[in-house]
Amino acid sequence: MSESHETLTIEPGRKSFVPVMADSHFPIQNLPYGVFRPSPGARARVGVAIGEMVLDLSLLEEAGLFDGPQLSNERVFRRPRLNELMALGRPAWREARARIAELLSEEEPRLRDDAALRERALVPSRGVEMLVPAEIGDYTDFYSSRHHATNVGTMFRGPDNALMPNWLWLPVAYHGRASSIVVSGTGVVRPRGQVVPPEESHPRLAPSRLLDYELEMGFFVGPGNAMGRPVPVDEAESHIFGMVIVNDWSARDIQKWEYQPLGPFLAKNFATTVSPWVVTLDALAPFRCAGPAQDPAPLAYLESKGDRSFDIALEVWLRAEGLDEPVMLSRGNFRDLYWDVRQQLAHHTITGCNLRPGDMLASGTISGAAKESRGCLLELTWRGTEPIELPNGEERKFLADGDTVVMSGWCQGAGFRVGFGECSGTLLPARG
């Protein structure tokens, strides 16, 4: 097996001395990375989630517990971002994962029996402040779900012209706005922009009335590539540090007016929400699965062989003012994506474009064949013609102020889950 596909999985029966519930997203088989502050105003540092706790890796680093050949001379966990760890590459990632799993194992005494270090290094997750996990230099958003692209194309161009001629030949994408990527829990202000109301022929500046979410997954780039040197598709995974859930908030009325001929701009640049925990490809490896069949066959540089995808269950919930309980809007799966993460990265670099540690690439809306698996309100309500009825009698064609969108995803193992936690955001009223 090539280095790009080597994995360090943690056997299903392995347990941690830290209590972990059976339905927790963060058992020892996961060990996702995040950046956190243990208390308000404290220095940000790198940790991993384990059960209901966060393990402070900076303290373990200070204690000399990362003493392997890849990490002994590095200081990557005291940083307020994951970029330095991402840049080290897969050998260092594997070494770190192996040591963290060893220290958290129920049979290993070094951390378990060191009461002073354990008390300092294990922090209850309910009391920490989570941050965007990396300094994101560039952000590219793909359009990789065939079901989503077909649904949207059908709405605007009819079923015979739903997919543009290039769609089955390459992963379509646009360049997003990195500066407005925010961590889960951050409020999102309803944007104002140029819109053309249905009864009018000229634009006006107004708050978006058609505010939507988009259920996506994203991945962070690791070492990256030199300018002028594309990354071959079979080496792409050596450049993928890990994955997060992404909500690509979208103002559909602004988008409708502006997108021709160059695509999304202001309809997307006001906010993109990411989940705080980055799940590594090693943790996802046991859940590899085949992606959709690709016909026509991709060009040679996009030939992605073997199990191309991951079996990640995805859910979207709505918490609305006036409702006692959240309402599930959709349930889908990452494996439905037509273009996989290897192909996305290989295509992004085929021109010689250089990717850098911490760059983020997102999948585009993830939709399945069934109506209940559609990944945005534009599809679920079919452009507003089929409103969703809430338990209190209200309807939703698009999002209302005060609505909170909660996305979640996980892989189900034998007696454990490898999950991403939540990606949530509340829509706030427009300003001005």
Protein backbone atom coordinates (compact mmCIF):
# COMPACT_ATOMS: atom_id res chain seq x y z
CA MET A 1 0.00 0.00 0.00
CA SER A 2 1.37 3.44 -0.90
CA GLU A 3 2.24 5.93 1.81
CA SER A 4 -0.68 8.12 0.79
CA HIS A 5 -3.12 5.37 1.79
CA GLU A 6 -1.36 4.07 4.92
CA THR A 7 -3.55 4.45 7.99
CA LEU A 8 -3.26 4.09 11.73
CA THR A 9 -6.60 2.76 12.89
CA ILE A 10 -7.39 2.02 16.52
CA GLU A 11 -8.97 -1.37 17.10
CA PRO A 12 -12.72 -1.33 17.90
CA GLY A 13 -12.30 -2.99 21.30
CA ARG A 14 -9.78 -0.52 22.63
CA LYS A 15 -11.00 1.60 25.57
CA SER A 16 -9.83 4.78 27.24
CA PHE A 17 -9.56 5.41 30.96
CA VAL A 18 -11.65 8.51 30.24
CA PRO A 19 -15.35 7.54 30.37
CA VAL A 20 -16.98 7.57 26.92
CA MET A 21 -20.67 6.93 26.27
CA ALA A 22 -21.58 4.44 23.53
CA ASP A 23 -23.21 7.15 21.39
CA SER A 24 -20.41 9.70 21.89
CA HIS A 25 -18.86 11.10 18.74
CA PHE A 26 -15.45 11.10 20.40
CA PRO A 27 -14.25 7.65 21.50
CA ILE A 28 -10.58 6.68 21.45
CA GLN A 29 -11.09 5.43 17.88
CA ASN A 30 -11.59 9.05 16.75
CA LEU A 31 -9.25 11.53 18.48
CA PRO A 32 -10.12 14.61 16.39
CA TYR A 33 -8.00 17.74 16.64
CA GLY A 34 -9.24 21.19 17.57
CA VAL A 35 -8.02 24.55 18.83
CA PHE A 36 -9.45 25.77 22.14
CA ARG A 37 -9.15 28.10 25.08
CA PRO A 38 -9.65 26.31 28.42
CA SER A 39 -11.04 29.52 29.96
CA PRO A 40 -11.91 33.05 28.78
CA GLY A 41 -8.80 34.97 27.83
CA ALA A 42 -6.52 31.96 28.12
CA ARG A 43 -3.91 31.16 25.50
CA ALA A 44 -5.31 29.15 22.58
CA ARG A 45 -3.76 25.72 22.11
CA VAL A 46 -4.32 22.38 20.35
CA GLY A 47 -6.35 19.57 21.89
CA VAL A 48 -8.19 16.38 21.02
CA ALA A 49 -11.70 15.41 22.03
CA ILE A 50 -12.20 12.29 24.13
CA GLY A 51 -15.70 11.65 25.44
CA GLU A 52 -16.89 14.79 27.25
CA MET A 53 -13.34 16.02 27.78
CA VAL A 54 -10.67 17.88 25.84
CA LEU A 55 -7.09 16.66 26.18
CA ASP A 56 -4.66 19.60 26.21
CA LEU A 57 -1.84 18.46 23.95
CA SER A 58 0.29 21.51 24.74
CA LEU A 59 0.71 20.29 28.32
CA LEU A 60 1.68 16.80 27.15
CA GLU A 61 4.19 18.42 24.80
CA GLU A 62 5.66 20.45 27.69
CA ALA A 63 5.93 17.23 29.70
CA GLY A 64 8.06 15.66 26.95
CA LEU A 65 5.55 12.98 26.08
CA PHE A 66 5.84 13.53 22.31
CA ASP A 67 9.37 12.15 22.09
CA GLY A 68 9.24 10.27 18.78
CA PRO A 69 11.50 11.06 15.82
CA GLN A 70 8.88 13.16 14.00
CA LEU A 71 7.73 15.33 16.90
CA SER A 72 10.49 15.47 19.52
CA ASN A 73 12.03 18.64 18.03
CA GLU A 74 8.74 20.28 17.08
CA ARG A 75 6.46 22.54 19.11
CA VAL A 76 3.17 22.29 17.26
CA PHE A 77 0.62 21.92 20.06
CA ARG A 78 1.22 25.23 21.85
CA ARG A 79 0.10 27.03 18.70
CA PRO A 80 -3.27 28.79 18.32
CA ARG A 81 -3.85 26.90 15.07
CA LEU A 82 -3.25 23.49 13.49
CA ASN A 83 -1.26 24.72 10.48
CA GLU A 84 2.14 23.72 11.83
CA LEU A 85 0.97 20.17 12.55
CA MET A 86 -0.73 19.99 9.15
CA ALA A 87 2.51 21.02 7.44
CA LEU A 88 4.52 18.13 8.95
CA GLY A 89 2.77 15.47 6.87
CA ARG A 90 1.49 11.95 7.39
CA PRO A 91 4.47 10.39 9.24
CA ALA A 92 4.15 13.02 11.97
CA TRP A 93 0.34 12.72 12.01
CA ARG A 94 0.62 8.95 12.50
CA GLU A 95 3.20 9.34 15.25
CA ALA A 96 1.04 11.87 17.10
CA ARG A 97 -2.09 9.74 16.78
CA ALA A 98 -0.29 6.63 18.04
CA ARG A 99 1.10 8.44 21.08
CA ILE A 100 -2.21 10.11 21.98
CA ALA A 101 -4.07 6.80 21.70
CA GLU A 102 -1.40 5.12 23.85
CA LEU A 103 -1.60 7.78 26.58
CA LEU A 104 -5.40 7.64 26.70
CA SER A 105 -5.64 3.84 26.76
CA GLU A 106 -7.07 2.32 29.92
CA GLU A 107 -4.03 0.05 30.39
CA GLU A 108 -1.39 2.81 30.03
CA PRO A 109 -0.43 4.36 33.42
CA ARG A 110 1.62 7.41 32.40
CA LEU A 111 -1.30 9.82 32.13
CA ARG A 112 -3.92 7.74 33.90
CA ASP A 113 -1.90 7.54 37.15
CA ASP A 114 -0.30 10.99 37.07
CA ALA A 115 -3.03 12.80 39.01
CA ALA A 116 -1.48 16.26 38.73
CA LEU A 117 -0.94 16.13 34.95
CA ARG A 118 -4.29 14.42 34.35
CA GLU A 119 -6.12 17.10 36.30
CA ARG A 120 -4.52 19.88 34.26
CA ALA A 121 -4.57 18.20 30.85
CA LEU A 122 -8.15 16.90 30.78
CA VAL A 123 -10.62 19.77 30.61
CA PRO A 124 -14.44 19.38 30.50
CA SER A 125 -15.52 20.25 26.98
CA ARG A 126 -18.60 22.15 28.18
CA GLY A 127 -16.36 24.87 29.62
CA VAL A 128 -13.95 25.49 26.76
CA GLU A 129 -14.09 28.00 23.91
CA MET A 130 -13.57 26.37 20.51
CA LEU A 131 -11.93 28.33 17.69
CA VAL A 132 -11.64 27.92 13.92
CA PRO A 133 -9.11 25.07 13.83
CA ALA A 134 -6.69 26.55 11.28
CA GLU A 135 -5.55 29.80 9.78
CA ILE A 136 -7.27 29.36 6.43
CA GLY A 137 -5.35 31.09 3.66
CA ASP A 138 -7.59 30.00 0.80
CA TYR A 139 -11.01 28.37 0.56
CA THR A 140 -12.44 26.59 -2.48
CA ASP A 141 -16.01 25.30 -2.60
CA PHE A 142 -16.88 22.50 -5.02
CA TYR A 143 -20.18 21.47 -6.56
CA SER A 144 -19.70 17.72 -6.36
CA SER A 145 -23.14 16.18 -5.70
CA ARG A 146 -24.82 14.97 -8.87
CA HIS A 147 -28.22 14.84 -7.16
CA HIS A 148 -27.88 18.45 -5.98
CA ALA A 149 -26.61 19.73 -9.31
CA THR A 150 -29.39 17.89 -11.14
CA ASN A 151 -32.09 19.24 -8.84
CA VAL A 152 -30.88 22.82 -9.07
CA GLY A 153 -30.34 22.58 -12.81
CA THR A 154 -33.83 21.16 -13.29
CA MET A 155 -35.36 24.07 -11.40
CA PHE A 156 -33.66 26.71 -13.52
CA ARG A 157 -33.08 25.03 -16.91
CA GLY A 158 -35.42 22.04 -17.01
CA PRO A 159 -34.63 18.30 -16.76
CA ASP A 160 -33.16 18.03 -20.25
CA ASN A 161 -30.47 20.62 -19.50
CA ALA A 162 -30.03 20.08 -15.78
CA LEU A 163 -26.28 19.38 -15.88
CA MET A 164 -23.95 21.71 -17.74
CA PRO A 165 -21.82 19.97 -20.40
CA ASN A 166 -18.66 20.02 -18.26
CA TRP A 167 -20.19 18.68 -15.03
CA LEU A 168 -19.56 14.96 -15.62
CA TRP A 169 -15.99 15.64 -16.72
CA LEU A 170 -14.57 17.74 -13.89
CA PRO A 171 -15.26 18.84 -10.29
CA VAL A 172 -16.81 22.30 -10.70
CA ALA A 173 -15.84 24.85 -8.02
CA TYR A 174 -15.62 28.51 -7.09
CA HIS A 175 -13.18 30.44 -4.90
CA GLY A 176 -14.80 31.23 -1.55
CA ARG A 177 -14.04 33.82 1.12
CA ALA A 178 -11.65 32.53 3.82
CA SER A 179 -11.94 35.59 6.09
CA SER A 180 -15.62 34.93 6.88
CA ILE A 181 -15.26 31.28 7.87
CA VAL A 182 -16.48 31.01 11.48
CA VAL A 183 -16.62 28.25 14.05
CA SER A 184 -19.79 26.47 15.11
CA GLY A 185 -21.94 28.52 17.50
CA THR A 186 -21.16 31.87 15.88
CA GLY A 187 -24.21 33.95 14.97
CA VAL A 188 -24.73 34.81 11.29
CA VAL A 189 -26.15 38.21 10.33
CA ARG A 190 -28.67 38.16 7.49
CA PRO A 191 -26.86 39.81 4.56
CA ARG A 192 -27.99 42.80 2.54
CA GLY A 193 -27.31 43.01 -1.17
CA GLN A 194 -28.76 43.67 -4.59
CA VAL A 195 -31.97 41.71 -5.14
CA VAL A 196 -34.72 41.89 -7.74
CA PRO A 197 -38.13 41.21 -6.13
CA PRO A 198 -40.47 39.03 -8.24
CA GLU A 199 -42.80 41.90 -9.00
CA GLU A 200 -40.02 44.28 -10.09
CA SER A 201 -37.58 44.55 -13.01
CA HIS A 202 -34.76 46.55 -11.41
CA PRO A 203 -32.56 45.70 -8.42
CA ARG A 204 -32.75 47.28 -5.01
CA LEU A 205 -30.46 47.06 -1.97
CA ALA A 206 -32.29 45.02 0.65
CA PRO A 207 -31.86 42.20 3.19
CA SER A 208 -31.92 38.77 1.59
CA ARG A 209 -35.35 37.17 1.87
CA LEU A 210 -34.23 33.76 0.60
CA LEU A 211 -31.57 32.79 3.12
CA ASP A 212 -30.55 29.13 2.91
CA TYR A 213 -28.07 26.66 4.38
CA GLU A 214 -26.02 24.10 2.47
CA LEU A 215 -24.95 20.82 4.07
CA GLU A 216 -21.34 20.17 3.11
CA MET A 217 -18.14 18.51 4.26
CA GLY A 218 -14.73 20.13 4.00
CA PHE A 219 -11.14 19.02 4.30
CA PHE A 220 -7.96 20.79 5.36
CA VAL A 221 -4.80 20.63 3.25
CA GLY A 222 -1.67 19.26 4.89
CA PRO A 223 1.81 19.80 3.43
CA GLY A 224 0.55 21.15 0.13
CA ASN A 225 2.47 21.34 -3.14
CA ALA A 226 4.98 23.62 -4.82
CA MET A 227 3.70 25.96 -7.51
CA GLY A 228 3.84 24.25 -10.90
CA ARG A 229 3.75 20.72 -9.44
CA PRO A 230 0.30 19.10 -9.53
CA VAL A 231 -0.61 16.47 -6.93
CA PRO A 232 -1.37 13.08 -8.57
CA VAL A 233 -4.77 11.69 -7.60
CA ASP A 234 -3.21 8.59 -6.02
CA GLU A 235 -1.08 10.81 -3.74
CA ALA A 236 -3.86 13.23 -2.82
CA GLU A 237 -4.65 11.69 0.57
CA SER A 238 -1.11 12.37 1.80
CA HIS A 239 -2.08 16.05 1.50
CA ILE A 240 -5.41 15.76 3.36
CA PHE A 241 -5.11 16.32 7.12
CA GLY A 242 -8.74 15.76 8.07
CA MET A 243 -12.37 16.70 7.58
CA VAL A 244 -15.04 18.94 9.13
CA ILE A 245 -18.73 19.67 8.58
CA VAL A 246 -19.40 22.86 6.62
CA ASN A 247 -22.51 25.04 6.37
CA ASP A 248 -22.17 27.18 3.26
CA TRP A 249 -24.80 29.81 4.06
CA SER A 250 -26.37 31.11 0.83
CA ALA A 251 -28.51 34.12 -0.05
CA ARG A 252 -30.48 32.74 -2.97
CA ASP A 253 -32.01 36.01 -4.16
CA ILE A 254 -28.64 37.78 -4.17
CA GLN A 255 -27.16 34.74 -5.92
CA LYS A 256 -29.85 34.69 -8.61
CA TRP A 257 -29.08 38.27 -9.64
CA GLU A 258 -25.28 38.21 -9.44
CA TYR A 259 -24.10 34.75 -10.47
CA GLN A 260 -23.98 35.21 -14.26
CA PRO A 261 -21.42 35.07 -15.75
CA LEU A 262 -18.79 34.47 -13.04
CA GLY A 263 -20.70 32.58 -10.35
CA PRO A 264 -21.28 33.17 -6.60
CA PHE A 265 -19.85 36.23 -4.88
CA LEU A 266 -21.82 38.22 -2.28
CA ALA A 267 -24.39 35.44 -1.95
CA LYS A 268 -21.72 33.33 -0.25
CA ASN A 269 -19.10 35.65 1.22
CA PHE A 270 -20.89 36.78 4.40
CA ALA A 271 -20.40 33.56 6.44
CA THR A 272 -19.38 29.92 6.22
CA THR A 273 -19.62 27.83 9.40
CA VAL A 274 -17.33 24.89 10.22
CA SER A 275 -17.45 22.32 12.99
CA PRO A 276 -14.56 22.75 15.45
CA TRP A 277 -13.18 19.19 15.49
CA VAL A 278 -11.08 17.94 12.58
CA VAL A 279 -11.52 14.20 12.06
CA THR A 280 -8.45 12.61 10.47
CA LEU A 281 -8.52 10.25 7.52
CA ASP A 282 -6.99 7.61 9.81
CA ALA A 283 -10.10 7.75 12.00
CA LEU A 284 -12.34 7.55 8.91
CA ALA A 285 -10.39 4.71 7.26
CA PRO A 286 -12.52 1.84 8.65
CA PHE A 287 -15.56 3.44 6.99
CA ARG A 288 -14.29 3.60 3.45
CA CYS A 289 -16.85 2.69 0.81
CA ALA A 290 -17.41 2.90 -2.91
CA GLY A 291 -18.63 6.18 -4.32
CA PRO A 292 -21.13 6.52 -7.16
CA ALA A 293 -20.18 4.96 -10.49
CA GLN A 294 -18.69 7.58 -12.83
CA ASP A 295 -19.85 7.56 -16.43
CA PRO A 296 -18.19 8.77 -18.58
CA ALA A 297 -14.90 7.59 -17.14
CA PRO A 298 -12.86 10.57 -15.89
CA LEU A 299 -9.71 11.64 -17.65
CA ALA A 300 -6.63 9.74 -16.48
CA TYR A 301 -5.50 12.40 -13.98
CA LEU A 302 -8.87 12.04 -12.18
CA GLU A 303 -9.00 8.22 -12.05
CA SER A 304 -9.65 7.53 -8.36
CA LYS A 305 -9.36 3.82 -7.67
CA GLY A 306 -10.62 1.58 -4.87
CA ASP A 307 -13.05 2.72 -2.18
CA ARG A 308 -13.27 6.40 -3.01
CA SER A 309 -15.63 7.64 -0.30
CA PHE A 310 -16.62 7.31 3.36
CA ASP A 311 -19.86 6.14 4.94
CA ILE A 312 -20.67 9.28 6.94
CA ALA A 313 -24.28 9.71 8.05
CA LEU A 314 -25.35 13.36 7.94
CA GLU A 315 -28.30 15.16 9.54
CA VAL A 316 -29.67 18.70 9.49
CA TRP A 317 -31.93 19.97 12.29
CA LEU A 318 -33.80 23.23 12.73
CA ARG A 319 -34.27 24.94 16.09
CA ALA A 320 -36.88 27.62 15.63
CA GLU A 321 -38.27 30.15 18.06
CA GLY A 322 -41.60 28.90 19.37
CA LEU A 323 -40.69 25.21 19.04
CA ASP A 324 -40.08 23.04 22.10
CA GLU A 325 -37.96 20.52 20.19
CA PRO A 326 -35.72 20.75 17.13
CA VAL A 327 -37.10 19.46 13.84
CA MET A 328 -35.11 17.22 11.51
CA LEU A 329 -34.96 18.71 8.03
CA SER A 330 -32.92 16.10 6.20
CA ARG A 331 -30.81 12.98 6.53
CA GLY A 332 -28.17 12.06 3.96
CA ASN A 333 -24.74 10.49 3.51
CA PHE A 334 -21.34 11.70 2.36
CA ARG A 335 -20.93 8.62 0.15
CA ASP A 336 -23.45 10.12 -2.33
CA LEU A 337 -20.88 12.67 -3.56
CA TYR A 338 -20.04 12.05 -7.23
CA TRP A 339 -16.58 13.67 -7.15
CA ASP A 340 -14.45 12.49 -4.20
CA VAL A 341 -11.87 14.35 -2.13
CA ARG A 342 -8.91 12.88 -4.03
CA GLN A 343 -10.35 14.08 -7.32
CA GLN A 344 -11.12 17.51 -5.91
CA LEU A 345 -7.54 18.02 -4.73
CA ALA A 346 -5.97 16.57 -7.88
CA HIS A 347 -8.13 18.74 -10.12
CA HIS A 348 -7.44 21.85 -8.03
CA THR A 349 -3.69 21.42 -8.56
CA ILE A 350 -3.61 20.13 -12.17
CA THR A 351 -2.73 23.60 -13.47
CA GLY A 352 0.15 23.82 -10.99
CA CYS A 353 -1.87 25.75 -8.41
CA ASN A 354 -0.08 25.56 -5.07
CA LEU A 355 -2.09 24.55 -2.01
CA ARG A 356 -0.79 25.47 1.44
CA PRO A 357 -1.17 24.03 4.95
CA GLY A 358 -4.54 25.05 6.34
CA ASP A 359 -6.25 25.71 3.01
CA MET A 360 -9.81 24.37 3.05
CA LEU A 361 -11.69 22.65 0.24
CA ALA A 362 -15.42 22.02 0.67
CA SER A 363 -17.61 19.51 -1.12
CA GLY A 364 -20.58 21.59 -2.16
CA THR A 365 -24.10 20.66 -1.06
CA ILE A 366 -24.47 16.94 -0.34
CA SER A 367 -27.80 15.55 -1.54
CA GLY A 368 -29.06 12.04 -2.14
CA ALA A 369 -31.69 10.61 -4.45
CA ALA A 370 -34.54 10.76 -1.90
CA LYS A 371 -36.30 14.01 -1.04
CA GLU A 372 -35.46 13.63 2.66
CA SER A 373 -31.74 13.55 1.77
CA ARG A 374 -31.67 16.91 -0.02
CA GLY A 375 -29.00 19.13 1.52
CA CYS A 376 -30.56 22.61 1.37
CA LEU A 377 -33.93 24.35 1.58
CA LEU A 378 -33.80 25.34 -2.09
CA GLU A 379 -34.14 21.64 -2.89
CA LEU A 380 -36.28 20.56 0.05
CA THR A 381 -38.94 23.17 -0.69
CA TRP A 382 -38.33 23.01 -4.44
CA ARG A 383 -37.56 26.71 -4.82
CA GLY A 384 -40.19 27.61 -2.20
CA THR A 385 -43.13 25.89 -3.91
CA GLU A 386 -43.33 23.07 -1.33
CA PRO A 387 -42.96 24.72 2.11
CA ILE A 388 -41.95 22.72 5.17
CA GLU A 389 -44.63 22.74 7.86
CA LEU A 390 -43.35 22.99 11.43
CA PRO A 391 -45.12 21.44 14.46
CA ASN A 392 -46.40 24.85 15.60
CA GLY A 393 -48.13 25.47 12.27
CA GLU A 394 -45.50 27.80 10.85
CA GLU A 395 -43.99 27.18 7.42
CA ARG A 396 -40.46 27.51 6.13
CA LYS A 397 -39.57 28.13 2.52
CA PHE A 398 -36.28 29.67 3.59
CA LEU A 399 -34.76 30.58 6.96
CA ALA A 400 -36.32 33.07 9.38
CA ASP A 401 -34.46 35.31 11.81
CA GLY A 402 -33.82 33.40 15.02
CA ASP A 403 -33.61 30.02 13.28
CA THR A 404 -30.69 27.85 14.32
CA VAL A 405 -29.40 25.29 11.82
CA VAL A 406 -27.62 22.32 13.41
CA MET A 407 -25.66 19.86 11.27
CA SER A 408 -24.16 16.64 12.53
CA GLY A 409 -22.33 13.67 11.07
CA TRP A 410 -20.82 10.37 12.18
CA CYS A 411 -19.62 6.95 11.09
CA GLN A 412 -21.16 3.99 12.94
CA GLY A 413 -18.75 1.28 14.05
CA ALA A 414 -19.22 -1.91 16.08
CA GLY A 415 -20.12 -0.44 19.46
CA PHE A 416 -18.68 3.01 18.82
CA ARG A 417 -19.11 6.10 16.64
CA VAL A 418 -16.54 8.29 14.95
CA GLY A 419 -18.26 11.65 14.73
CA PHE A 420 -17.78 15.32 13.97
CA GLY A 421 -19.90 16.82 16.73
CA GLU A 422 -22.12 19.73 15.71
CA CYS A 423 -21.89 22.52 13.20
CA SER A 424 -24.46 25.12 14.26
CA GLY A 425 -25.30 28.73 13.60
CA THR A 426 -28.18 31.08 14.41
CA LEU A 427 -29.51 33.55 11.85
CA LEU A 428 -29.55 37.10 13.23
CA PRO A 429 -31.54 40.04 11.81
CA ALA A 430 -30.02 42.20 9.10
CA ARG A 431 -28.24 45.38 10.18
CA GLY A 432 -28.60 48.86 8.75
